[in-house]
Amino acid sequence: MMPNSNSDSDIPQSDNIEFEIQLTPLALEMLENIKDKRHQKVLSSRIDKLKTDPEKQGKPLTGKLINYRSVRAVGQRYRILYKVEIDKVVVLVVGVGLRKEGDKGDIYNLLQKLI
């Protein structure tokens, strides 16, 4: 029996599903606290691109952030940390900030303490 291409399937196909983007209050605050409005705009645009195939973007994280992913933005300086909730068709953005390796203000260091 050939599958009917016009029927809706109960199984989500991530290739053609648009995910809902949600930002935690912390992520929203982090984004709003970025002083350069051009950077804010670029970061918001990059977050918006996570609506399509979020699990194929960025890289999976390890350690305390094992269930999260990270994408680079604004010339590799910023990171957007998020979790893909496939069952809810949601991308939950948990943090946005500068990558400053070895610095206490590094986005990964901050979020490991807050998540």
N, C-alpha and C. Protein backbone atom coordinates (compact mmCIF):
# COMPACT_ATOMS: atom_id res chain seq x y z
N MET A 1 0.83 -1.18 0.00
CA MET A 1 0.00 0.00 0.00
C MET A 1 0.88 1.25 0.00
N MET A 2 0.58 2.17 -0.90
CA MET A 2 1.36 3.41 -1.01
C MET A 2 0.83 4.43 -0.01
N PRO A 3 1.74 5.12 0.69
CA PRO A 3 1.26 6.15 1.62
C PRO A 3 0.63 7.31 0.86
N ASN A 4 -0.43 7.83 1.42
CA ASN A 4 -1.12 8.95 0.81
C ASN A 4 -0.38 10.23 1.19
N SER A 5 0.11 10.96 0.20
CA SER A 5 0.91 12.15 0.47
C SER A 5 0.07 13.32 0.96
N ASN A 6 -1.25 13.22 0.82
CA ASN A 6 -2.12 14.31 1.27
C ASN A 6 -2.58 14.15 2.71
N SER A 7 -2.34 13.00 3.32
CA SER A 7 -2.84 12.76 4.68
C SER A 7 -1.86 13.33 5.70
N ASP A 8 -2.43 13.77 6.81
CA ASP A 8 -1.61 14.25 7.91
C ASP A 8 -1.12 13.07 8.72
N SER A 9 0.13 13.09 9.09
CA SER A 9 0.70 12.00 9.87
C SER A 9 0.74 12.39 11.34
N ASP A 10 0.61 11.41 12.22
CA ASP A 10 0.72 11.68 13.66
C ASP A 10 2.17 11.86 14.07
N ILE A 11 3.08 11.44 13.23
CA ILE A 11 4.50 11.54 13.54
C ILE A 11 5.05 12.83 12.93
N PRO A 12 5.60 13.73 13.77
CA PRO A 12 6.11 14.98 13.22
C PRO A 12 7.31 14.74 12.31
N GLN A 13 7.32 15.40 11.19
CA GLN A 13 8.46 15.37 10.28
C GLN A 13 9.19 16.69 10.45
N SER A 14 10.36 16.67 11.09
CA SER A 14 11.03 17.91 11.44
C SER A 14 11.46 18.71 10.21
N ASP A 15 11.52 18.07 9.04
CA ASP A 15 11.93 18.78 7.85
C ASP A 15 10.91 19.83 7.41
N ASN A 16 9.63 19.62 7.74
CA ASN A 16 8.65 20.59 7.27
C ASN A 16 7.82 21.18 8.41
N ILE A 17 8.27 20.99 9.62
CA ILE A 17 7.57 21.55 10.78
C ILE A 17 8.28 22.83 11.19
N GLU A 18 7.49 23.84 11.54
CA GLU A 18 8.07 25.06 12.07
C GLU A 18 7.92 25.01 13.59
N PHE A 19 9.04 25.09 14.28
CA PHE A 19 9.03 25.07 15.74
C PHE A 19 8.65 26.42 16.29
N GLU A 20 8.00 26.41 17.44
CA GLU A 20 7.71 27.66 18.15
C GLU A 20 8.94 28.03 18.95
N ILE A 21 9.29 29.30 18.93
CA ILE A 21 10.45 29.78 19.69
C ILE A 21 9.95 30.37 21.00
N GLN A 22 10.52 29.92 22.12
CA GLN A 22 10.21 30.49 23.42
C GLN A 22 11.52 30.89 24.08
N LEU A 23 11.53 32.05 24.70
CA LEU A 23 12.70 32.50 25.44
C LEU A 23 12.37 32.49 26.93
N THR A 24 13.28 31.96 27.72
CA THR A 24 13.09 32.01 29.17
C THR A 24 13.22 33.48 29.60
N PRO A 25 12.70 33.84 30.76
CA PRO A 25 12.88 35.22 31.25
C PRO A 25 14.36 35.61 31.31
N LEU A 26 15.22 34.66 31.68
CA LEU A 26 16.66 34.93 31.75
C LEU A 26 17.21 35.25 30.36
N ALA A 27 16.85 34.45 29.36
CA ALA A 27 17.34 34.67 28.00
C ALA A 27 16.86 36.01 27.47
N LEU A 28 15.61 36.35 27.75
CA LEU A 28 15.04 37.62 27.32
C LEU A 28 15.80 38.79 27.96
N GLU A 29 16.09 38.65 29.25
CA GLU A 29 16.84 39.69 29.96
C GLU A 29 18.25 39.82 29.39
N MET A 30 18.90 38.69 29.11
CA MET A 30 20.25 38.71 28.55
C MET A 30 20.25 39.42 27.20
N LEU A 31 19.25 39.12 26.37
CA LEU A 31 19.15 39.74 25.04
C LEU A 31 18.91 41.25 25.18
N GLU A 32 18.03 41.63 26.08
CA GLU A 32 17.71 43.05 26.28
C GLU A 32 18.90 43.82 26.86
N ASN A 33 19.77 43.15 27.60
CA ASN A 33 20.91 43.81 28.22
C ASN A 33 22.10 44.01 27.28
N ILE A 34 22.01 43.50 26.06
CA ILE A 34 23.07 43.72 25.08
C ILE A 34 22.93 45.16 24.57
N LYS A 35 23.95 45.96 24.82
CA LYS A 35 23.85 47.40 24.55
C LYS A 35 23.79 47.72 23.06
N ASP A 36 24.52 46.99 22.24
CA ASP A 36 24.57 47.28 20.80
C ASP A 36 23.29 46.75 20.14
N LYS A 37 22.45 47.67 19.71
CA LYS A 37 21.15 47.30 19.12
C LYS A 37 21.32 46.51 17.83
N ARG A 38 22.40 46.75 17.11
CA ARG A 38 22.65 45.96 15.89
C ARG A 38 22.90 44.49 16.25
N HIS A 39 23.65 44.27 17.33
CA HIS A 39 23.90 42.91 17.79
C HIS A 39 22.59 42.26 18.23
N GLN A 40 21.76 43.01 18.94
CA GLN A 40 20.45 42.49 19.36
C GLN A 40 19.64 42.03 18.15
N LYS A 41 19.64 42.84 17.11
CA LYS A 41 18.86 42.53 15.91
C LYS A 41 19.38 41.26 15.22
N VAL A 42 20.70 41.15 15.11
CA VAL A 42 21.31 39.97 14.49
C VAL A 42 21.02 38.72 15.33
N LEU A 43 21.13 38.84 16.64
CA LEU A 43 20.85 37.71 17.53
C LEU A 43 19.38 37.29 17.44
N SER A 44 18.47 38.27 17.40
CA SER A 44 17.04 37.95 17.27
C SER A 44 16.75 37.24 15.96
N SER A 45 17.40 37.69 14.91
CA SER A 45 17.23 37.06 13.59
C SER A 45 17.75 35.63 13.61
N ARG A 46 18.90 35.43 14.28
CA ARG A 46 19.49 34.08 14.36
C ARG A 46 18.59 33.16 15.18
N ILE A 47 18.03 33.67 16.26
CA ILE A 47 17.10 32.88 17.08
C ILE A 47 15.90 32.47 16.24
N ASP A 48 15.40 33.40 15.43
CA ASP A 48 14.25 33.14 14.58
C ASP A 48 14.52 31.99 13.59
N LYS A 49 15.77 31.87 13.15
CA LYS A 49 16.14 30.79 12.21
C LYS A 49 16.07 29.41 12.85
N LEU A 50 16.01 29.36 14.18
CA LEU A 50 15.92 28.08 14.87
C LEU A 50 14.54 27.43 14.70
N LYS A 51 13.60 28.15 14.10
CA LYS A 51 12.26 27.60 13.86
C LYS A 51 12.30 26.40 12.93
N THR A 52 13.31 26.37 12.06
CA THR A 52 13.42 25.30 11.07
C THR A 52 14.63 24.42 11.40
N ASP A 53 14.39 23.13 11.57
CA ASP A 53 15.45 22.15 11.84
C ASP A 53 16.41 22.56 12.96
N PRO A 54 15.89 22.90 14.14
CA PRO A 54 16.78 23.35 15.22
C PRO A 54 17.75 22.26 15.68
N GLU A 55 17.33 20.99 15.54
CA GLU A 55 18.20 19.91 15.99
C GLU A 55 19.36 19.66 15.03
N LYS A 56 19.33 20.30 13.86
CA LYS A 56 20.42 20.16 12.89
C LYS A 56 21.35 21.37 12.92
N GLN A 57 21.05 22.35 13.76
CA GLN A 57 21.87 23.56 13.84
C GLN A 57 22.73 23.51 15.10
N GLY A 58 23.79 24.27 15.07
CA GLY A 58 24.64 24.38 16.25
C GLY A 58 25.29 23.07 16.63
N LYS A 59 25.67 22.99 17.89
CA LYS A 59 26.32 21.77 18.37
C LYS A 59 25.73 21.37 19.71
N PRO A 60 25.67 20.06 19.95
CA PRO A 60 25.20 19.60 21.26
C PRO A 60 26.26 19.90 22.32
N LEU A 61 25.81 20.28 23.49
CA LEU A 61 26.73 20.60 24.57
C LEU A 61 26.95 19.38 25.47
N THR A 62 27.95 19.48 26.33
CA THR A 62 28.30 18.37 27.21
C THR A 62 28.31 18.86 28.66
N GLY A 63 28.64 17.97 29.56
CA GLY A 63 28.73 18.32 30.98
C GLY A 63 27.38 18.69 31.56
N LYS A 64 27.36 19.76 32.34
CA LYS A 64 26.12 20.20 32.99
C LYS A 64 25.08 20.69 31.99
N LEU A 65 25.52 21.01 30.79
CA LEU A 65 24.61 21.53 29.76
C LEU A 65 24.30 20.47 28.70
N ILE A 66 24.34 19.21 29.08
CA ILE A 66 24.25 18.10 28.14
C ILE A 66 22.97 18.07 27.30
N ASN A 67 21.85 18.56 27.80
CA ASN A 67 20.61 18.51 27.04
C ASN A 67 20.36 19.75 26.19
N TYR A 68 21.39 20.58 26.08
CA TYR A 68 21.25 21.85 25.36
C TYR A 68 22.13 21.86 24.12
N ARG A 69 21.83 22.83 23.24
CA ARG A 69 22.61 23.03 22.03
C ARG A 69 23.06 24.49 22.00
N SER A 70 24.05 24.78 21.17
CA SER A 70 24.58 26.14 21.08
C SER A 70 24.84 26.49 19.62
N VAL A 71 24.43 27.70 19.22
CA VAL A 71 24.77 28.21 17.89
C VAL A 71 25.54 29.51 18.07
N ARG A 72 26.40 29.77 17.10
CA ARG A 72 27.19 31.00 17.12
C ARG A 72 26.44 32.10 16.39
N ALA A 73 26.71 33.33 16.80
CA ALA A 73 26.08 34.48 16.14
C ALA A 73 26.97 35.70 16.28
N VAL A 74 26.71 36.70 15.47
CA VAL A 74 27.44 37.97 15.47
C VAL A 74 28.95 37.72 15.35
N GLY A 75 29.35 37.22 14.21
CA GLY A 75 30.78 37.02 13.96
C GLY A 75 31.44 36.09 14.94
N GLN A 76 30.76 35.05 15.36
CA GLN A 76 31.29 34.00 16.23
C GLN A 76 31.45 34.44 17.68
N ARG A 77 31.14 35.69 18.02
CA ARG A 77 31.38 36.20 19.38
C ARG A 77 30.33 35.76 20.37
N TYR A 78 29.09 35.69 19.93
CA TYR A 78 27.98 35.36 20.82
C TYR A 78 27.57 33.91 20.68
N ARG A 79 26.95 33.39 21.73
CA ARG A 79 26.35 32.06 21.69
C ARG A 79 24.89 32.17 22.09
N ILE A 80 24.07 31.37 21.42
CA ILE A 80 22.66 31.24 21.77
C ILE A 80 22.50 29.81 22.25
N LEU A 81 22.12 29.63 23.50
CA LEU A 81 21.94 28.29 24.06
C LEU A 81 20.46 27.97 24.10
N TYR A 82 20.13 26.76 23.64
CA TYR A 82 18.72 26.38 23.54
C TYR A 82 18.54 24.89 23.72
N LYS A 83 17.29 24.53 23.96
CA LYS A 83 16.90 23.13 24.11
C LYS A 83 15.77 22.88 23.12
N VAL A 84 15.87 21.78 22.38
CA VAL A 84 14.81 21.40 21.43
C VAL A 84 13.86 20.45 22.14
N GLU A 85 12.59 20.83 22.22
CA GLU A 85 11.58 19.98 22.83
C GLU A 85 10.69 19.45 21.70
N ILE A 86 11.15 18.35 21.09
CA ILE A 86 10.49 17.79 19.90
C ILE A 86 9.03 17.46 20.17
N ASP A 87 8.74 16.89 21.34
CA ASP A 87 7.36 16.48 21.64
C ASP A 87 6.41 17.68 21.71
N LYS A 88 6.93 18.86 22.04
CA LYS A 88 6.10 20.07 22.11
C LYS A 88 6.26 20.95 20.88
N VAL A 89 7.18 20.58 19.99
CA VAL A 89 7.53 21.36 18.80
C VAL A 89 7.92 22.79 19.24
N VAL A 90 8.83 22.83 20.22
CA VAL A 90 9.27 24.09 20.81
C VAL A 90 10.80 24.13 20.86
N VAL A 91 11.35 25.31 20.57
CA VAL A 91 12.76 25.59 20.83
C VAL A 91 12.78 26.55 22.00
N LEU A 92 13.36 26.11 23.11
CA LEU A 92 13.42 26.92 24.32
C LEU A 92 14.81 27.54 24.42
N VAL A 93 14.89 28.86 24.18
CA VAL A 93 16.16 29.57 24.28
C VAL A 93 16.38 29.92 25.75
N VAL A 94 17.49 29.43 26.31
CA VAL A 94 17.75 29.62 27.74
C VAL A 94 18.80 30.68 28.03
N GLY A 95 19.59 31.06 27.02
CA GLY A 95 20.61 32.07 27.27
C GLY A 95 21.19 32.62 25.99
N VAL A 96 21.63 33.89 26.07
CA VAL A 96 22.27 34.57 24.96
C VAL A 96 23.39 35.39 25.56
N GLY A 97 24.62 35.23 25.06
CA GLY A 97 25.70 36.03 25.62
C GLY A 97 27.02 35.82 24.91
N LEU A 98 28.01 36.55 25.37
CA LEU A 98 29.34 36.50 24.78
C LEU A 98 30.09 35.25 25.21
N ARG A 99 30.84 34.71 24.28
CA ARG A 99 31.75 33.61 24.58
C ARG A 99 33.07 34.23 24.98
N LYS A 100 33.44 34.07 26.25
CA LYS A 100 34.71 34.60 26.77
C LYS A 100 35.40 33.46 27.52
N GLU A 101 36.03 32.60 26.77
CA GLU A 101 36.63 31.40 27.36
C GLU A 101 37.55 31.75 28.51
N GLY A 102 37.33 31.06 29.64
CA GLY A 102 38.15 31.26 30.83
C GLY A 102 37.70 32.42 31.71
N ASP A 103 36.72 33.19 31.26
CA ASP A 103 36.22 34.34 32.01
C ASP A 103 34.97 33.95 32.78
N LYS A 104 34.80 34.52 33.97
CA LYS A 104 33.61 34.19 34.76
C LYS A 104 32.33 34.71 34.11
N GLY A 105 32.46 35.68 33.19
CA GLY A 105 31.31 36.21 32.48
C GLY A 105 30.97 35.43 31.21
N ASP A 106 31.71 34.36 30.94
CA ASP A 106 31.46 33.53 29.77
C ASP A 106 30.05 32.94 29.83
N ILE A 107 29.35 32.94 28.72
CA ILE A 107 27.97 32.48 28.67
C ILE A 107 27.81 31.05 29.20
N TYR A 108 28.75 30.17 28.88
CA TYR A 108 28.65 28.79 29.35
C TYR A 108 28.81 28.72 30.87
N ASN A 109 29.77 29.48 31.43
CA ASN A 109 29.96 29.50 32.88
C ASN A 109 28.73 30.03 33.59
N LEU A 110 28.17 31.11 33.07
CA LEU A 110 26.97 31.70 33.69
C LEU A 110 25.82 30.71 33.72
N LEU A 111 25.56 30.07 32.59
CA LEU A 111 24.40 29.19 32.51
C LEU A 111 24.57 27.90 33.29
N GLN A 112 25.79 27.41 33.42
CA GLN A 112 26.00 26.20 34.23
C GLN A 112 25.60 26.46 35.67
N LYS A 113 25.76 27.69 36.12
CA LYS A 113 25.38 28.02 37.50
C LYS A 113 23.88 28.28 37.64
N LEU A 114 23.24 28.69 36.55
CA LEU A 114 21.84 29.12 36.63
C LEU A 114 20.83 28.07 36.20
N ILE A 115 21.29 27.07 35.47
CA ILE A 115 20.34 26.05 34.97
C ILE A 115 20.30 24.87 35.92
